[in-house]
Amino acid sequence: MARTCFFAKAARKPKFKVRHRNRCKLCGRPRGYMRKFELCRICFRKLALEGYLPGVTKASW
C-alpha cells in the first residue's frame, strides 16, 4: 500500500518545479534515468537486448 501511495504522490504535479524528479516509466526508479527513452538504465538494457527499442544496438560484441 505504501508503494502504491508513493507512486500516486509522485504522479501529481509538484508545488514547485524543482521538486520534480524524472522516473522510469516501467519500474519508477529515479536514478540512472535516460531522458530520450524515459527509462532507467536497467529497463533500457533489458528492452534493448530483447529488441523492443528500434535503432538501439550494442556498441561491441
N, C-alpha and C. Protein backbone atom coordinates (compact mmCIF):
# COMPACT_ATOMS: atom_id res chain seq x y z
N MET A 1 0.83 -1.19 0.00
CA MET A 1 0.00 0.00 0.00
C MET A 1 0.87 1.26 0.00
N ALA A 2 1.95 1.23 0.76
CA ALA A 2 2.80 2.41 0.86
C ALA A 2 3.45 2.71 -0.49
N ARG A 3 3.84 1.66 -1.21
CA ARG A 3 4.47 1.86 -2.51
C ARG A 3 3.46 2.45 -3.52
N THR A 4 2.24 1.96 -3.50
CA THR A 4 1.19 2.48 -4.38
C THR A 4 0.92 3.95 -4.07
N CYS A 5 0.87 4.28 -2.80
CA CYS A 5 0.66 5.66 -2.38
C CYS A 5 1.81 6.55 -2.84
N PHE A 6 3.04 6.03 -2.78
CA PHE A 6 4.21 6.79 -3.19
C PHE A 6 4.15 7.11 -4.68
N PHE A 7 3.78 6.11 -5.51
CA PHE A 7 3.70 6.34 -6.95
C PHE A 7 2.57 7.32 -7.29
N ALA A 8 1.48 7.26 -6.56
CA ALA A 8 0.38 8.20 -6.77
C ALA A 8 0.83 9.62 -6.43
N LYS A 9 1.59 9.75 -5.36
CA LYS A 9 2.10 11.06 -4.94
C LYS A 9 3.11 11.59 -5.96
N ALA A 10 3.96 10.71 -6.50
CA ALA A 10 4.97 11.12 -7.48
C ALA A 10 4.33 11.53 -8.81
N ALA A 11 3.17 10.98 -9.11
CA ALA A 11 2.49 11.28 -10.37
C ALA A 11 1.86 12.67 -10.37
N ARG A 12 1.55 13.18 -9.19
CA ARG A 12 0.95 14.51 -9.10
C ARG A 12 1.95 15.60 -9.46
N LYS A 13 1.47 16.72 -9.93
CA LYS A 13 2.33 17.85 -10.26
C LYS A 13 2.83 18.48 -8.96
N PRO A 14 4.15 18.67 -8.84
CA PRO A 14 4.68 19.24 -7.59
C PRO A 14 4.32 20.73 -7.45
N LYS A 15 4.33 21.19 -6.22
CA LYS A 15 4.02 22.58 -5.94
C LYS A 15 5.07 23.50 -6.53
N PHE A 16 6.33 23.06 -6.51
CA PHE A 16 7.44 23.82 -7.08
C PHE A 16 8.13 22.96 -8.13
N LYS A 17 8.58 23.57 -9.24
CA LYS A 17 9.17 22.83 -10.35
C LYS A 17 10.44 22.09 -9.98
N VAL A 18 11.21 22.61 -9.04
CA VAL A 18 12.48 21.97 -8.67
C VAL A 18 12.26 20.65 -7.94
N ARG A 19 11.06 20.40 -7.48
CA ARG A 19 10.77 19.15 -6.77
C ARG A 19 10.47 18.00 -7.72
N HIS A 20 10.36 18.29 -9.01
CA HIS A 20 10.08 17.23 -9.99
C HIS A 20 11.28 16.31 -10.12
N ARG A 21 11.04 15.01 -10.17
CA ARG A 21 12.12 14.02 -10.31
C ARG A 21 11.76 13.07 -11.45
N ASN A 22 12.65 12.98 -12.44
CA ASN A 22 12.41 12.06 -13.54
C ASN A 22 12.47 10.62 -13.04
N ARG A 23 11.50 9.81 -13.46
CA ARG A 23 11.44 8.42 -13.04
C ARG A 23 11.19 7.52 -14.23
N CYS A 24 11.67 6.30 -14.13
CA CYS A 24 11.47 5.30 -15.18
C CYS A 24 9.98 5.02 -15.32
N LYS A 25 9.52 4.92 -16.57
CA LYS A 25 8.10 4.67 -16.81
C LYS A 25 7.69 3.25 -16.45
N LEU A 26 8.63 2.30 -16.43
CA LEU A 26 8.31 0.91 -16.13
C LEU A 26 8.39 0.58 -14.65
N CYS A 27 9.52 0.91 -14.04
CA CYS A 27 9.73 0.49 -12.65
C CYS A 27 9.69 1.63 -11.63
N GLY A 28 9.80 2.88 -12.09
CA GLY A 28 9.75 4.02 -11.17
C GLY A 28 11.08 4.39 -10.57
N ARG A 29 12.16 3.79 -11.04
CA ARG A 29 13.49 4.07 -10.50
C ARG A 29 13.91 5.51 -10.82
N PRO A 30 14.39 6.28 -9.81
CA PRO A 30 14.76 7.67 -10.06
C PRO A 30 16.19 7.85 -10.56
N ARG A 31 17.06 6.87 -10.36
CA ARG A 31 18.46 7.03 -10.73
C ARG A 31 18.77 6.30 -12.04
N GLY A 32 19.79 6.77 -12.74
CA GLY A 32 20.18 6.14 -13.99
C GLY A 32 19.12 6.34 -15.07
N TYR A 33 18.48 7.50 -15.07
CA TYR A 33 17.37 7.79 -15.97
C TYR A 33 17.88 8.33 -17.30
N MET A 34 17.32 7.85 -18.41
CA MET A 34 17.66 8.35 -19.74
C MET A 34 16.46 9.10 -20.29
N ARG A 35 16.64 10.39 -20.52
CA ARG A 35 15.53 11.23 -20.96
C ARG A 35 14.94 10.80 -22.30
N LYS A 36 15.82 10.47 -23.23
CA LYS A 36 15.39 10.15 -24.59
C LYS A 36 14.39 8.98 -24.62
N PHE A 37 14.59 8.00 -23.74
CA PHE A 37 13.75 6.81 -23.73
C PHE A 37 12.79 6.78 -22.56
N GLU A 38 12.94 7.68 -21.60
CA GLU A 38 12.13 7.75 -20.39
C GLU A 38 12.20 6.45 -19.60
N LEU A 39 13.41 5.83 -19.59
CA LEU A 39 13.63 4.58 -18.88
C LEU A 39 14.89 4.67 -18.03
N CYS A 40 14.96 3.82 -17.02
CA CYS A 40 16.21 3.72 -16.25
C CYS A 40 17.17 2.82 -17.03
N ARG A 41 18.42 2.80 -16.61
CA ARG A 41 19.45 2.05 -17.33
C ARG A 41 19.17 0.55 -17.33
N ILE A 42 18.56 0.05 -16.27
CA ILE A 42 18.30 -1.38 -16.16
C ILE A 42 17.19 -1.81 -17.13
N CYS A 43 16.08 -1.07 -17.14
CA CYS A 43 14.98 -1.37 -18.06
C CYS A 43 15.40 -1.13 -19.50
N PHE A 44 16.20 -0.09 -19.72
CA PHE A 44 16.70 0.20 -21.07
C PHE A 44 17.51 -0.97 -21.60
N ARG A 45 18.42 -1.48 -20.80
CA ARG A 45 19.28 -2.59 -21.22
C ARG A 45 18.46 -3.84 -21.51
N LYS A 46 17.49 -4.12 -20.65
CA LYS A 46 16.66 -5.30 -20.82
C LYS A 46 15.85 -5.22 -22.13
N LEU A 47 15.22 -4.08 -22.37
CA LEU A 47 14.41 -3.92 -23.57
C LEU A 47 15.26 -3.86 -24.84
N ALA A 48 16.44 -3.26 -24.75
CA ALA A 48 17.33 -3.17 -25.92
C ALA A 48 17.82 -4.55 -26.33
N LEU A 49 18.18 -5.38 -25.36
CA LEU A 49 18.66 -6.73 -25.68
C LEU A 49 17.56 -7.62 -26.24
N GLU A 50 16.32 -7.37 -25.83
CA GLU A 50 15.19 -8.14 -26.35
C GLU A 50 14.73 -7.62 -27.72
N GLY A 51 15.23 -6.44 -28.12
CA GLY A 51 14.90 -5.90 -29.43
C GLY A 51 13.65 -5.05 -29.47
N TYR A 52 13.17 -4.57 -28.32
CA TYR A 52 11.97 -3.76 -28.28
C TYR A 52 12.22 -2.27 -28.54
N LEU A 53 13.49 -1.85 -28.55
CA LEU A 53 13.83 -0.46 -28.82
C LEU A 53 14.46 -0.38 -30.21
N PRO A 54 13.72 0.09 -31.20
CA PRO A 54 14.27 0.13 -32.56
C PRO A 54 15.42 1.11 -32.68
N GLY A 55 16.45 0.71 -33.43
CA GLY A 55 17.60 1.57 -33.67
C GLY A 55 18.68 1.48 -32.62
N VAL A 56 18.47 0.73 -31.56
CA VAL A 56 19.45 0.60 -30.48
C VAL A 56 20.23 -0.69 -30.71
N THR A 57 21.56 -0.59 -30.82
CA THR A 57 22.41 -1.75 -30.98
C THR A 57 23.53 -1.71 -29.95
N LYS A 58 24.12 -2.87 -29.69
CA LYS A 58 25.24 -2.93 -28.76
C LYS A 58 26.45 -2.25 -29.38
N ALA A 59 27.26 -1.63 -28.54
CA ALA A 59 28.45 -0.93 -29.03
C ALA A 59 29.54 -1.92 -29.43
N SER A 60 29.62 -3.04 -28.74
CA SER A 60 30.65 -4.04 -29.06
C SER A 60 30.11 -5.44 -28.80
N TRP A 61 30.72 -6.43 -29.40
CA TRP A 61 30.28 -7.84 -29.20
C TRP A 61 31.32 -8.62 -28.51
